[in-house]
Amino acid sequence: MGKTREPKLEVVGGGDPADQIRVKPTQPTLQEMAKSPDNQSILLVEDNLVNQKVASLLLKKSGYHVDIANNGQEALNFLCDDNNYYHVVLMDCMMPVKDGFTASEEFRLYEEQYNKARTPIIALTASVLDDDIQRCTDSGMDDYVSKPFNKSVLLEKIKTIRELPE
């Protein structure tokens, strides 16, 4: 994961000097992890195997770690697992089992219910109709990229969305 962090020491008052120093936890916060170039994880949610291979290869070559979910339900399983942290979710809109709209809505409710930091979601959609783009926004997605996507457009959207203030 990159650099190791030195434990932080905290001095507390009174008594024996041995009792005055306490070691603070060394695990980075989610905000520190998000800004670390050594830890750039993306969840790709896509049901089409060809699209999965193309997108994951492009993202890996660009330095990202990629996990793949085949549908919205699998995405929720990844996203709601506290062992996982994603900087960005790339969410296909039309999938079997659970579509991207529903998965995004449910994930936003999960984030709210458990007081989690907002994870950016970029819709991957074949449609560029205003109504469909509005549906992406209404379901909690932060941006969209039309398919087939352009490599530079996708990478710029990922970079831009990750730099937004929290």
N, C-alpha and C. Protein backbone atom coordinates (compact mmCIF):
# COMPACT_ATOMS: atom_id res chain seq x y z
N MET A 1 0.82 -1.17 0.00
CA MET A 1 0.00 0.00 0.00
C MET A 1 0.87 1.24 0.00
N GLY A 2 2.16 1.11 0.02
CA GLY A 2 2.99 2.30 -0.03
C GLY A 2 3.77 2.48 1.24
N LYS A 3 3.90 3.71 1.68
CA LYS A 3 4.71 4.07 2.82
C LYS A 3 4.07 3.60 4.11
N THR A 4 4.93 3.20 5.07
CA THR A 4 4.42 2.87 6.39
C THR A 4 4.43 4.14 7.22
N ARG A 5 3.51 4.22 8.13
CA ARG A 5 3.40 5.41 8.97
C ARG A 5 3.93 5.12 10.34
N GLU A 6 4.65 6.06 10.90
CA GLU A 6 5.15 5.95 12.25
C GLU A 6 4.01 6.18 13.23
N PRO A 7 4.00 5.43 14.35
CA PRO A 7 2.96 5.68 15.34
C PRO A 7 3.10 7.09 15.90
N LYS A 8 1.99 7.70 16.23
CA LYS A 8 2.00 9.02 16.84
C LYS A 8 1.93 8.84 18.36
N LEU A 9 2.70 9.66 19.07
CA LEU A 9 2.70 9.60 20.52
C LEU A 9 1.91 10.78 21.05
N GLU A 10 1.16 10.51 22.10
CA GLU A 10 0.37 11.57 22.73
C GLU A 10 0.79 11.65 24.19
N VAL A 11 1.10 12.83 24.65
CA VAL A 11 1.48 13.02 26.05
C VAL A 11 0.23 13.38 26.83
N VAL A 12 0.02 12.65 27.92
CA VAL A 12 -1.12 12.93 28.79
C VAL A 12 -0.59 13.33 30.17
N GLY A 13 -1.32 14.13 30.90
CA GLY A 13 -0.81 14.72 32.14
C GLY A 13 -0.85 13.81 33.35
N GLY A 14 0.01 14.18 34.33
CA GLY A 14 -0.01 13.63 35.68
C GLY A 14 0.59 12.25 35.86
N GLY A 15 1.01 11.99 37.07
CA GLY A 15 1.44 10.66 37.48
C GLY A 15 2.81 10.26 37.00
N ASP A 16 2.99 8.98 36.95
CA ASP A 16 4.26 8.36 36.57
C ASP A 16 4.58 8.66 35.10
N PRO A 17 5.85 9.02 34.78
CA PRO A 17 6.19 9.32 33.38
C PRO A 17 5.88 8.18 32.41
N ALA A 18 5.92 6.96 32.88
CA ALA A 18 5.61 5.82 32.02
C ALA A 18 4.15 5.82 31.60
N ASP A 19 3.29 6.43 32.41
CA ASP A 19 1.87 6.50 32.11
C ASP A 19 1.50 7.72 31.28
N GLN A 20 2.48 8.56 30.97
CA GLN A 20 2.19 9.83 30.31
C GLN A 20 2.25 9.75 28.78
N ILE A 21 2.71 8.66 28.25
CA ILE A 21 2.83 8.55 26.79
C ILE A 21 1.93 7.43 26.31
N ARG A 22 1.16 7.74 25.32
CA ARG A 22 0.22 6.76 24.77
C ARG A 22 0.44 6.71 23.26
N VAL A 23 0.42 5.52 22.70
CA VAL A 23 0.58 5.35 21.25
C VAL A 23 -0.77 5.51 20.58
N LYS A 24 -0.85 6.40 19.57
CA LYS A 24 -2.08 6.61 18.80
C LYS A 24 -2.12 5.61 17.65
N PRO A 25 -3.29 5.22 17.19
CA PRO A 25 -3.39 4.28 16.08
C PRO A 25 -2.69 4.81 14.83
N THR A 26 -2.16 3.89 14.02
CA THR A 26 -1.40 4.29 12.82
C THR A 26 -2.18 4.09 11.54
N GLN A 27 -3.39 3.57 11.59
CA GLN A 27 -4.15 3.37 10.37
C GLN A 27 -4.54 4.71 9.77
N PRO A 28 -4.38 4.86 8.44
CA PRO A 28 -4.76 6.12 7.81
C PRO A 28 -6.28 6.29 7.80
N THR A 29 -6.72 7.54 7.80
CA THR A 29 -8.14 7.81 7.67
C THR A 29 -8.55 7.58 6.23
N LEU A 30 -9.86 7.49 5.97
CA LEU A 30 -10.34 7.33 4.60
C LEU A 30 -9.93 8.51 3.74
N GLN A 31 -9.91 9.72 4.32
CA GLN A 31 -9.51 10.90 3.56
C GLN A 31 -8.04 10.80 3.15
N GLU A 32 -7.18 10.32 4.07
CA GLU A 32 -5.77 10.14 3.73
C GLU A 32 -5.61 9.08 2.65
N MET A 33 -6.38 8.00 2.77
CA MET A 33 -6.30 6.94 1.76
C MET A 33 -6.73 7.47 0.39
N ALA A 34 -7.76 8.31 0.37
CA ALA A 34 -8.29 8.83 -0.88
C ALA A 34 -7.28 9.70 -1.61
N LYS A 35 -6.43 10.38 -0.86
CA LYS A 35 -5.46 11.27 -1.48
C LYS A 35 -4.14 10.57 -1.81
N SER A 36 -3.99 9.33 -1.38
CA SER A 36 -2.76 8.59 -1.61
C SER A 36 -2.70 8.04 -3.04
N PRO A 37 -1.62 8.38 -3.78
CA PRO A 37 -1.51 7.86 -5.14
C PRO A 37 -1.22 6.36 -5.15
N ASP A 38 -0.83 5.81 -4.00
CA ASP A 38 -0.52 4.38 -3.93
C ASP A 38 -1.77 3.52 -3.77
N ASN A 39 -2.92 4.15 -3.62
CA ASN A 39 -4.13 3.39 -3.31
C ASN A 39 -5.30 3.93 -4.13
N GLN A 40 -5.32 3.62 -5.39
CA GLN A 40 -6.36 4.12 -6.27
C GLN A 40 -7.22 2.96 -6.74
N SER A 41 -8.27 2.71 -6.01
CA SER A 41 -9.14 1.57 -6.31
C SER A 41 -10.44 2.03 -6.97
N ILE A 42 -10.81 1.29 -7.99
CA ILE A 42 -12.04 1.58 -8.72
C ILE A 42 -12.88 0.31 -8.76
N LEU A 43 -14.18 0.47 -8.52
CA LEU A 43 -15.11 -0.63 -8.71
C LEU A 43 -15.77 -0.43 -10.06
N LEU A 44 -15.57 -1.37 -10.94
CA LEU A 44 -16.19 -1.36 -12.27
C LEU A 44 -17.41 -2.27 -12.20
N VAL A 45 -18.58 -1.69 -12.45
CA VAL A 45 -19.83 -2.45 -12.40
C VAL A 45 -20.35 -2.52 -13.83
N GLU A 46 -20.23 -3.70 -14.42
CA GLU A 46 -20.53 -3.88 -15.85
C GLU A 46 -20.88 -5.34 -16.09
N ASP A 47 -21.98 -5.59 -16.80
CA ASP A 47 -22.39 -6.98 -17.05
C ASP A 47 -21.80 -7.55 -18.34
N ASN A 48 -21.34 -6.71 -19.25
CA ASN A 48 -20.81 -7.18 -20.53
C ASN A 48 -19.33 -7.53 -20.39
N LEU A 49 -18.99 -8.79 -20.69
CA LEU A 49 -17.61 -9.26 -20.49
C LEU A 49 -16.60 -8.50 -21.34
N VAL A 50 -16.96 -8.17 -22.57
CA VAL A 50 -16.04 -7.43 -23.43
C VAL A 50 -15.77 -6.05 -22.85
N ASN A 51 -16.83 -5.38 -22.42
CA ASN A 51 -16.67 -4.06 -21.79
C ASN A 51 -15.85 -4.15 -20.51
N GLN A 52 -16.05 -5.22 -19.75
CA GLN A 52 -15.26 -5.43 -18.53
C GLN A 52 -13.77 -5.51 -18.86
N LYS A 53 -13.44 -6.33 -19.87
CA LYS A 53 -12.03 -6.52 -20.23
C LYS A 53 -11.40 -5.23 -20.75
N VAL A 54 -12.11 -4.54 -21.63
CA VAL A 54 -11.59 -3.30 -22.21
C VAL A 54 -11.37 -2.25 -21.12
N ALA A 55 -12.38 -2.02 -20.31
CA ALA A 55 -12.30 -0.98 -19.27
C ALA A 55 -11.27 -1.34 -18.21
N SER A 56 -11.26 -2.58 -17.74
CA SER A 56 -10.32 -2.95 -16.68
C SER A 56 -8.88 -2.88 -17.18
N LEU A 57 -8.63 -3.27 -18.41
CA LEU A 57 -7.28 -3.19 -18.97
C LEU A 57 -6.83 -1.72 -19.06
N LEU A 58 -7.70 -0.87 -19.56
CA LEU A 58 -7.39 0.56 -19.66
C LEU A 58 -7.10 1.15 -18.27
N LEU A 59 -7.91 0.81 -17.30
CA LEU A 59 -7.74 1.35 -15.95
C LEU A 59 -6.48 0.82 -15.28
N LYS A 60 -6.21 -0.46 -15.45
CA LYS A 60 -5.00 -1.05 -14.87
C LYS A 60 -3.75 -0.44 -15.49
N LYS A 61 -3.76 -0.24 -16.81
CA LYS A 61 -2.62 0.38 -17.49
C LYS A 61 -2.42 1.82 -17.04
N SER A 62 -3.48 2.43 -16.53
CA SER A 62 -3.41 3.81 -16.05
C SER A 62 -3.07 3.88 -14.55
N GLY A 63 -2.80 2.74 -13.95
CA GLY A 63 -2.33 2.70 -12.57
C GLY A 63 -3.37 2.45 -11.51
N TYR A 64 -4.57 2.09 -11.91
CA TYR A 64 -5.63 1.84 -10.93
C TYR A 64 -5.74 0.36 -10.60
N HIS A 65 -6.16 0.09 -9.36
CA HIS A 65 -6.56 -1.26 -8.98
C HIS A 65 -8.04 -1.36 -9.32
N VAL A 66 -8.47 -2.46 -9.93
CA VAL A 66 -9.86 -2.60 -10.38
C VAL A 66 -10.49 -3.87 -9.82
N ASP A 67 -11.65 -3.71 -9.20
CA ASP A 67 -12.51 -4.84 -8.86
C ASP A 67 -13.70 -4.77 -9.81
N ILE A 68 -14.23 -5.94 -10.16
CA ILE A 68 -15.35 -6.00 -11.11
C ILE A 68 -16.56 -6.64 -10.47
N ALA A 69 -17.70 -5.96 -10.61
CA ALA A 69 -18.99 -6.51 -10.22
C ALA A 69 -19.80 -6.68 -11.50
N ASN A 70 -20.52 -7.78 -11.61
CA ASN A 70 -21.28 -8.10 -12.82
C ASN A 70 -22.67 -7.48 -12.87
N ASN A 71 -23.13 -6.96 -11.74
CA ASN A 71 -24.46 -6.34 -11.68
C ASN A 71 -24.56 -5.47 -10.44
N GLY A 72 -25.66 -4.78 -10.30
CA GLY A 72 -25.83 -3.86 -9.18
C GLY A 72 -25.83 -4.52 -7.82
N GLN A 73 -26.34 -5.73 -7.73
CA GLN A 73 -26.34 -6.43 -6.44
C GLN A 73 -24.92 -6.78 -6.02
N GLU A 74 -24.12 -7.28 -6.96
CA GLU A 74 -22.72 -7.56 -6.64
C GLU A 74 -21.99 -6.28 -6.25
N ALA A 75 -22.32 -5.17 -6.91
CA ALA A 75 -21.71 -3.88 -6.58
C ALA A 75 -22.00 -3.52 -5.13
N LEU A 76 -23.26 -3.67 -4.72
CA LEU A 76 -23.62 -3.36 -3.33
C LEU A 76 -22.88 -4.25 -2.35
N ASN A 77 -22.68 -5.52 -2.72
CA ASN A 77 -21.92 -6.42 -1.85
C ASN A 77 -20.49 -5.91 -1.65
N PHE A 78 -19.85 -5.45 -2.73
CA PHE A 78 -18.51 -4.88 -2.64
C PHE A 78 -18.53 -3.58 -1.82
N LEU A 79 -19.45 -2.69 -2.16
CA LEU A 79 -19.47 -1.35 -1.58
C LEU A 79 -19.84 -1.33 -0.10
N CYS A 80 -20.65 -2.26 0.32
CA CYS A 80 -21.10 -2.28 1.71
C CYS A 80 -20.20 -3.14 2.60
N ASP A 81 -19.13 -3.66 2.05
CA ASP A 81 -18.14 -4.44 2.80
C ASP A 81 -17.10 -3.46 3.34
N ASP A 82 -17.00 -3.34 4.65
CA ASP A 82 -16.07 -2.38 5.26
C ASP A 82 -14.60 -2.68 4.96
N ASN A 83 -14.30 -3.85 4.43
CA ASN A 83 -12.92 -4.16 4.05
C ASN A 83 -12.54 -3.54 2.70
N ASN A 84 -13.52 -3.02 1.98
CA ASN A 84 -13.27 -2.42 0.67
C ASN A 84 -13.40 -0.90 0.75
N TYR A 85 -12.56 -0.22 -0.01
CA TYR A 85 -12.66 1.23 -0.14
C TYR A 85 -12.39 1.58 -1.60
N TYR A 86 -13.30 2.28 -2.21
CA TYR A 86 -13.14 2.66 -3.62
C TYR A 86 -13.14 4.18 -3.74
N HIS A 87 -12.23 4.66 -4.57
CA HIS A 87 -12.17 6.09 -4.85
C HIS A 87 -13.28 6.50 -5.79
N VAL A 88 -13.61 5.60 -6.71
CA VAL A 88 -14.62 5.88 -7.72
C VAL A 88 -15.32 4.57 -8.07
N VAL A 89 -16.61 4.68 -8.37
CA VAL A 89 -17.37 3.55 -8.90
C VAL A 89 -17.78 3.92 -10.32
N LEU A 90 -17.50 3.02 -11.26
CA LEU A 90 -17.97 3.18 -12.64
C LEU A 90 -19.15 2.23 -12.78
N MET A 91 -20.35 2.79 -12.95
CA MET A 91 -21.59 2.02 -12.86
C MET A 91 -22.35 2.00 -14.18
N ASP A 92 -22.44 0.80 -14.76
CA ASP A 92 -23.31 0.62 -15.92
C ASP A 92 -24.74 0.85 -15.45
N CYS A 93 -25.55 1.38 -16.31
CA CYS A 93 -26.94 1.69 -15.90
C CYS A 93 -27.89 0.51 -16.11
N MET A 94 -27.75 -0.18 -17.23
CA MET A 94 -28.68 -1.26 -17.59
C MET A 94 -28.01 -2.62 -17.40
N MET A 95 -28.41 -3.33 -16.34
CA MET A 95 -27.85 -4.65 -16.04
C MET A 95 -28.94 -5.56 -15.50
N PRO A 96 -28.73 -6.86 -15.62
CA PRO A 96 -29.68 -7.80 -15.01
C PRO A 96 -29.49 -7.84 -13.49
N VAL A 97 -30.34 -8.51 -12.82
CA VAL A 97 -30.37 -8.70 -11.36
C VAL A 97 -30.74 -7.38 -10.66
N LYS A 98 -29.87 -6.37 -10.76
CA LYS A 98 -30.16 -5.04 -10.20
C LYS A 98 -29.45 -4.02 -11.09
N ASP A 99 -30.22 -3.07 -11.62
CA ASP A 99 -29.62 -2.09 -12.52
C ASP A 99 -28.82 -1.05 -11.74
N GLY A 100 -28.05 -0.24 -12.46
CA GLY A 100 -27.19 0.74 -11.85
C GLY A 100 -27.93 1.86 -11.13
N PHE A 101 -29.11 2.20 -11.63
CA PHE A 101 -29.91 3.24 -10.98
C PHE A 101 -30.31 2.80 -9.57
N THR A 102 -30.87 1.61 -9.49
CA THR A 102 -31.33 1.07 -8.20
C THR A 102 -30.16 0.86 -7.25
N ALA A 103 -29.07 0.31 -7.76
CA ALA A 103 -27.88 0.07 -6.92
C ALA A 103 -27.34 1.39 -6.37
N SER A 104 -27.31 2.43 -7.20
CA SER A 104 -26.81 3.73 -6.75
C SER A 104 -27.71 4.32 -5.67
N GLU A 105 -29.03 4.24 -5.88
CA GLU A 105 -29.97 4.74 -4.88
C GLU A 105 -29.78 4.01 -3.54
N GLU A 106 -29.67 2.70 -3.60
CA GLU A 106 -29.53 1.92 -2.38
C GLU A 106 -28.19 2.19 -1.70
N PHE A 107 -27.13 2.38 -2.49
CA PHE A 107 -25.83 2.67 -1.90
C PHE A 107 -25.82 4.05 -1.23
N ARG A 108 -26.48 5.02 -1.84
CA ARG A 108 -26.55 6.36 -1.22
C ARG A 108 -27.31 6.29 0.11
N LEU A 109 -28.35 5.47 0.18
CA LEU A 109 -29.07 5.28 1.44
C LEU A 109 -28.17 4.63 2.48
N TYR A 110 -27.38 3.64 2.06
CA TYR A 110 -26.43 2.96 2.96
C TYR A 110 -25.42 3.97 3.50
N GLU A 111 -24.85 4.79 2.60
CA GLU A 111 -23.87 5.79 3.04
C GLU A 111 -24.48 6.73 4.08
N GLU A 112 -25.70 7.15 3.84
CA GLU A 112 -26.38 8.06 4.75
C GLU A 112 -26.68 7.38 6.09
N GLN A 113 -27.22 6.18 6.02
CA GLN A 113 -27.61 5.45 7.23
C GLN A 113 -26.41 5.17 8.13
N TYR A 114 -25.26 4.85 7.54
CA TYR A 114 -24.08 4.49 8.32
C TYR A 114 -23.06 5.62 8.39
N ASN A 115 -23.47 6.83 8.00
CA ASN A 115 -22.62 8.01 8.08
C ASN A 115 -21.27 7.80 7.39
N LYS A 116 -21.31 7.26 6.19
CA LYS A 116 -20.10 7.00 5.39
C LYS A 116 -19.83 8.19 4.48
N ALA A 117 -18.56 8.39 4.16
CA ALA A 117 -18.19 9.43 3.20
C ALA A 117 -18.77 9.06 1.84
N ARG A 118 -19.14 10.06 1.08
CA ARG A 118 -19.74 9.84 -0.24
C ARG A 118 -18.67 9.33 -1.22
N THR A 119 -18.96 8.20 -1.85
CA THR A 119 -18.09 7.64 -2.88
C THR A 119 -18.60 8.11 -4.23
N PRO A 120 -17.75 8.73 -5.04
CA PRO A 120 -18.20 9.18 -6.36
C PRO A 120 -18.63 8.02 -7.26
N ILE A 121 -19.74 8.21 -7.95
CA ILE A 121 -20.24 7.21 -8.90
C ILE A 121 -20.35 7.89 -10.26
N ILE A 122 -19.69 7.29 -11.24
CA ILE A 122 -19.78 7.76 -12.62
C ILE A 122 -20.58 6.73 -13.40
N ALA A 123 -21.67 7.17 -14.00
CA ALA A 123 -22.51 6.29 -14.80
C ALA A 123 -21.81 5.97 -16.11
N LEU A 124 -21.92 4.72 -16.53
CA LEU A 124 -21.50 4.30 -17.87
C LEU A 124 -22.79 3.99 -18.61
N THR A 125 -23.11 4.81 -19.60
CA THR A 125 -24.40 4.65 -20.26
C THR A 125 -24.28 4.78 -21.76
N ALA A 126 -25.07 3.98 -22.46
CA ALA A 126 -25.11 4.05 -23.93
C ALA A 126 -26.02 5.18 -24.38
N SER A 127 -26.81 5.71 -23.46
CA SER A 127 -27.77 6.75 -23.79
C SER A 127 -27.22 8.13 -23.44
N VAL A 128 -27.47 9.09 -24.31
CA VAL A 128 -27.11 10.47 -24.01
C VAL A 128 -28.35 11.37 -24.01
N LEU A 129 -29.52 10.75 -23.89
CA LEU A 129 -30.77 11.51 -23.81
C LEU A 129 -30.83 12.26 -22.48
N ASP A 130 -31.34 13.46 -22.51
CA ASP A 130 -31.42 14.29 -21.29
C ASP A 130 -32.17 13.58 -20.16
N ASP A 131 -33.26 12.88 -20.50
CA ASP A 131 -34.03 12.18 -19.47
C ASP A 131 -33.21 11.09 -18.79
N ASP A 132 -32.41 10.37 -19.57
CA ASP A 132 -31.58 9.30 -18.99
C ASP A 132 -30.45 9.88 -18.15
N ILE A 133 -29.87 10.97 -18.59
CA ILE A 133 -28.81 11.63 -17.82
C ILE A 133 -29.39 12.17 -16.51
N GLN A 134 -30.60 12.72 -16.57
CA GLN A 134 -31.26 13.19 -15.36
C GLN A 134 -31.56 12.03 -14.41
N ARG A 135 -31.92 10.89 -14.96
CA ARG A 135 -32.17 9.70 -14.13
C ARG A 135 -30.90 9.28 -13.40
N CYS A 136 -29.75 9.42 -14.06
CA CYS A 136 -28.46 9.12 -13.41
C CYS A 136 -28.28 10.02 -12.19
N THR A 137 -28.49 11.31 -12.39
CA THR A 137 -28.36 12.28 -11.30
C THR A 137 -29.37 12.00 -10.19
N ASP A 138 -30.61 11.75 -10.57
CA ASP A 138 -31.66 11.49 -9.58
C ASP A 138 -31.39 10.25 -8.73
N SER A 139 -30.67 9.30 -9.29
CA SER A 139 -30.40 8.06 -8.54
C SER A 139 -29.14 8.17 -7.68
N GLY A 140 -28.46 9.33 -7.73
CA GLY A 140 -27.30 9.54 -6.86
C GLY A 140 -25.96 9.44 -7.54
N MET A 141 -25.97 9.32 -8.87
CA MET A 141 -24.69 9.28 -9.59
C MET A 141 -24.18 10.71 -9.74
N ASP A 142 -22.86 10.86 -9.78
CA ASP A 142 -22.25 12.18 -9.78
C ASP A 142 -21.89 12.70 -11.17
N ASP A 143 -21.71 11.81 -12.12
CA ASP A 143 -21.33 12.20 -13.48
C ASP A 143 -21.65 11.02 -14.39
N TYR A 144 -21.42 11.19 -15.68
CA TYR A 144 -21.65 10.08 -16.61
C TYR A 144 -20.63 10.13 -17.74
N VAL A 145 -20.40 8.97 -18.32
CA VAL A 145 -19.59 8.82 -19.52
C VAL A 145 -20.40 7.97 -20.47
N SER A 146 -20.53 8.44 -21.71
CA SER A 146 -21.31 7.66 -22.67
C SER A 146 -20.46 6.54 -23.26
N LYS A 147 -21.12 5.41 -23.53
CA LYS A 147 -20.45 4.25 -24.14
C LYS A 147 -20.75 4.25 -25.64
N PRO A 148 -19.82 3.83 -26.46
CA PRO A 148 -18.46 3.43 -26.08
C PRO A 148 -17.69 4.66 -25.62
N PHE A 149 -16.92 4.50 -24.53
CA PHE A 149 -16.25 5.66 -23.96
C PHE A 149 -14.88 5.89 -24.59
N ASN A 150 -14.49 7.14 -24.57
CA ASN A 150 -13.18 7.56 -25.02
C ASN A 150 -12.23 7.48 -23.83
N LYS A 151 -11.07 6.88 -24.02
CA LYS A 151 -10.10 6.68 -22.94
C LYS A 151 -9.78 7.97 -22.21
N SER A 152 -9.44 9.02 -22.95
CA SER A 152 -9.02 10.27 -22.30
C SER A 152 -10.19 10.92 -21.55
N VAL A 153 -11.41 10.81 -22.08
CA VAL A 153 -12.58 11.38 -21.40
C VAL A 153 -12.82 10.64 -20.09
N LEU A 154 -12.77 9.32 -20.12
CA LEU A 154 -13.00 8.53 -18.91
C LEU A 154 -11.95 8.85 -17.85
N LEU A 155 -10.68 8.85 -18.24
CA LEU A 155 -9.61 9.11 -17.27
C LEU A 155 -9.69 10.53 -16.71
N GLU A 156 -10.07 11.49 -17.52
CA GLU A 156 -10.21 12.87 -17.05
C GLU A 156 -11.38 12.97 -16.07
N LYS A 157 -12.48 12.29 -16.35
CA LYS A 157 -13.63 12.31 -15.43
C LYS A 157 -13.25 11.70 -14.08
N ILE A 158 -12.50 10.60 -14.11
CA ILE A 158 -12.06 9.95 -12.86
C ILE A 158 -11.17 10.90 -12.09
N LYS A 159 -10.22 11.51 -12.77
CA LYS A 159 -9.29 12.43 -12.11
C LYS A 159 -10.05 13.62 -11.53
N THR A 160 -10.93 14.21 -12.30
CA THR A 160 -11.69 15.39 -11.87
C THR A 160 -12.58 15.08 -10.69
N ILE A 161 -13.29 13.97 -10.74
CA ILE A 161 -14.24 13.63 -9.67
C ILE A 161 -13.51 13.32 -8.37
N ARG A 162 -12.30 12.79 -8.48
CA ARG A 162 -11.51 12.48 -7.27
C ARG A 162 -10.93 13.73 -6.64
N GLU A 163 -10.82 14.82 -7.40
CA GLU A 163 -10.23 16.05 -6.87
C GLU A 163 -11.27 16.98 -6.27
N LEU A 164 -12.55 16.64 -6.37
CA LEU A 164 -13.60 17.49 -5.82
C LEU A 164 -13.48 17.54 -4.30
N PRO A 165 -13.76 18.69 -3.69
CA PRO A 165 -13.70 18.77 -2.22
C PRO A 165 -14.76 17.89 -1.59
N GLU A 166 -14.47 17.42 -0.39
CA GLU A 166 -15.40 16.51 0.30
C GLU A 166 -16.51 17.27 0.96
